[in-house]
Amino acid sequence: MAAAEGNRYAEKHSIEEWEKIFETIYQEAKEGKFLSLQQAFIESDVRPSTERWLCSKYKVLATIKKDIADAIANEINKGGLKSKFNPAMSIWRLKQLGESETINTDVTSNGKEVSTPIINFVKKDTE
């Protein structure tokens, strides 16, 4: 007899079980066990392709993945500030995890907008 349409026989875990797995990874990330998302999932026996597919299908897992990345970034930030990790590599890894620098440039002069004059250069036939 064929399997019923829409069956879940091939699923390794239910969404509830995946949520528990992701939460366990998050707890381990908070403890400083991982320094990258790839390491977190691979060392937790979750294939990266499976993790990406699950996160695209279930918003709750994508949210937990973001929390995992934030926990890893927190660990790297602390390590870089306390000279536990190389600061340059810490900055690079933080950028890989989505952290960014914000540079604000003030383009005013004493509270007034700076205007750029438009200059038209016209070549004359006699030149």
Protein backbone atom coordinates (compact mmCIF):
# COMPACT_ATOMS: atom_id res chain seq x y z
CA MET A 1 0.00 0.00 0.00
CA ALA A 2 1.34 3.43 -0.92
CA ALA A 3 1.90 6.13 1.68
CA ALA A 4 -0.85 8.66 2.08
CA GLU A 5 -0.35 11.97 0.31
CA GLY A 6 1.13 14.63 2.59
CA ASN A 7 2.60 12.07 4.99
CA ARG A 8 5.56 12.92 7.18
CA TYR A 9 7.32 9.56 7.13
CA ALA A 10 10.57 11.00 5.79
CA GLU A 11 10.81 13.73 8.43
CA LYS A 12 13.60 13.16 10.93
CA HIS A 13 12.08 15.49 13.56
CA SER A 14 8.84 17.38 14.09
CA ILE A 15 8.89 21.17 14.24
CA GLU A 16 8.64 20.93 18.04
CA GLU A 17 11.72 18.69 18.15
CA TRP A 18 13.62 21.04 15.82
CA GLU A 19 12.71 23.94 18.07
CA LYS A 20 14.19 22.07 21.06
CA ILE A 21 17.36 21.31 19.06
CA PHE A 22 17.75 24.97 18.08
CA GLU A 23 17.13 26.05 21.69
CA THR A 24 19.86 23.65 22.86
CA ILE A 25 22.25 25.14 20.30
CA TYR A 26 21.33 28.61 21.59
CA GLN A 27 22.10 27.62 25.19
CA GLU A 28 25.48 26.20 24.14
CA ALA A 29 26.22 29.36 22.13
CA LYS A 30 25.52 31.46 25.24
CA GLU A 31 28.03 29.32 27.12
CA GLY A 32 30.71 30.19 24.52
CA LYS A 33 30.94 26.79 22.87
CA PHE A 34 30.78 28.15 19.30
CA LEU A 35 32.51 30.93 17.35
CA SER A 36 30.48 30.67 14.12
CA LEU A 37 27.03 29.61 12.98
CA GLN A 38 28.53 26.88 10.82
CA GLN A 39 30.36 25.45 13.83
CA ALA A 40 27.22 25.66 15.95
CA PHE A 41 25.09 23.64 13.56
CA ILE A 42 27.70 21.19 12.28
CA GLU A 43 28.92 20.30 15.78
CA SER A 44 25.28 19.86 16.82
CA ASP A 45 24.82 17.33 13.99
CA VAL A 46 22.55 19.58 11.93
CA ARG A 47 23.48 19.87 8.26
CA PRO A 48 23.81 23.50 7.14
CA SER A 49 21.51 22.85 4.16
CA THR A 50 18.87 21.41 6.50
CA GLU A 51 19.21 24.40 8.84
CA ARG A 52 18.77 26.84 5.92
CA TRP A 53 15.72 24.96 4.62
CA LEU A 54 14.13 24.79 8.07
CA CYS A 55 14.73 28.50 8.70
CA SER A 56 13.15 29.40 5.36
CA LYS A 57 10.11 27.25 6.19
CA TYR A 58 9.62 28.05 9.90
CA LYS A 59 9.89 31.62 11.16
CA VAL A 60 10.35 30.48 14.77
CA LEU A 61 13.53 28.61 13.80
CA ALA A 62 14.83 31.62 11.83
CA THR A 63 14.28 33.73 14.95
CA ILE A 64 16.17 31.27 17.15
CA LYS A 65 18.98 31.16 14.55
CA LYS A 66 19.28 34.96 14.84
CA ASP A 67 19.45 34.56 18.63
CA ILE A 68 22.22 31.98 18.18
CA ALA A 69 24.17 34.41 15.98
CA ASP A 70 23.71 37.16 18.58
CA ALA A 71 24.97 34.87 21.36
CA ILE A 72 28.03 33.99 19.27
CA ALA A 73 28.64 37.68 18.50
CA ASN A 74 28.42 38.44 22.22
CA GLU A 75 31.07 35.83 23.00
CA ILE A 76 33.38 37.10 20.25
CA ASN A 77 32.88 40.70 21.35
CA LYS A 78 33.81 39.86 24.96
CA GLY A 79 36.82 37.84 23.81
CA GLY A 80 38.05 40.65 21.58
CA LEU A 81 37.65 43.30 24.28
CA LYS A 82 39.38 41.20 26.93
CA SER A 83 42.28 40.24 24.61
CA LYS A 84 41.21 36.60 24.68
CA PHE A 85 40.87 36.73 20.88
CA ASN A 86 42.78 38.63 18.22
CA PRO A 87 40.89 41.96 17.89
CA ALA A 88 41.20 42.15 14.09
CA MET A 89 39.87 38.62 13.68
CA SER A 90 37.11 39.37 16.17
CA ILE A 91 36.00 42.37 14.12
CA TRP A 92 36.09 40.29 10.93
CA ARG A 93 34.01 37.50 12.53
CA LEU A 94 31.50 39.99 13.95
CA LYS A 95 31.02 41.45 10.48
CA GLN A 96 30.48 37.91 9.16
CA LEU A 97 27.71 37.54 11.76
CA GLY A 98 25.99 40.70 10.50
CA GLU A 99 27.41 43.38 12.78
CA SER A 100 28.16 46.66 11.02
CA GLU A 101 29.72 50.02 11.65
CA THR A 102 27.70 53.18 11.29
CA ILE A 103 29.44 56.25 9.98
CA ASN A 104 27.46 59.48 10.11
CA THR A 105 28.75 62.43 8.15
CA ASP A 106 27.46 65.91 8.88
CA VAL A 107 27.01 67.76 5.62
CA THR A 108 25.83 71.03 7.09
CA SER A 109 27.59 74.27 7.83
CA ASN A 110 26.45 75.98 11.03
CA GLY A 111 23.07 74.34 10.70
CA LYS A 112 22.67 75.40 7.06
CA GLU A 113 22.62 73.03 4.13
CA VAL A 114 25.73 73.07 1.97
CA SER A 115 24.84 73.66 -1.63
CA THR A 116 26.97 72.59 -4.53
CA PRO A 117 27.07 75.16 -7.32
CA ILE A 118 26.41 73.85 -10.80
CA ILE A 119 29.04 74.93 -13.28
CA ASN A 120 28.44 74.39 -16.96
CA PHE A 121 31.55 74.07 -19.05
CA VAL A 122 30.89 74.84 -22.71
CA LYS A 123 33.57 74.43 -25.30
CA LYS A 124 33.56 77.17 -27.91
CA ASP A 125 34.25 76.37 -31.56
CA THR A 126 37.19 78.80 -31.63
CA GLU A 127 39.11 76.89 -28.95
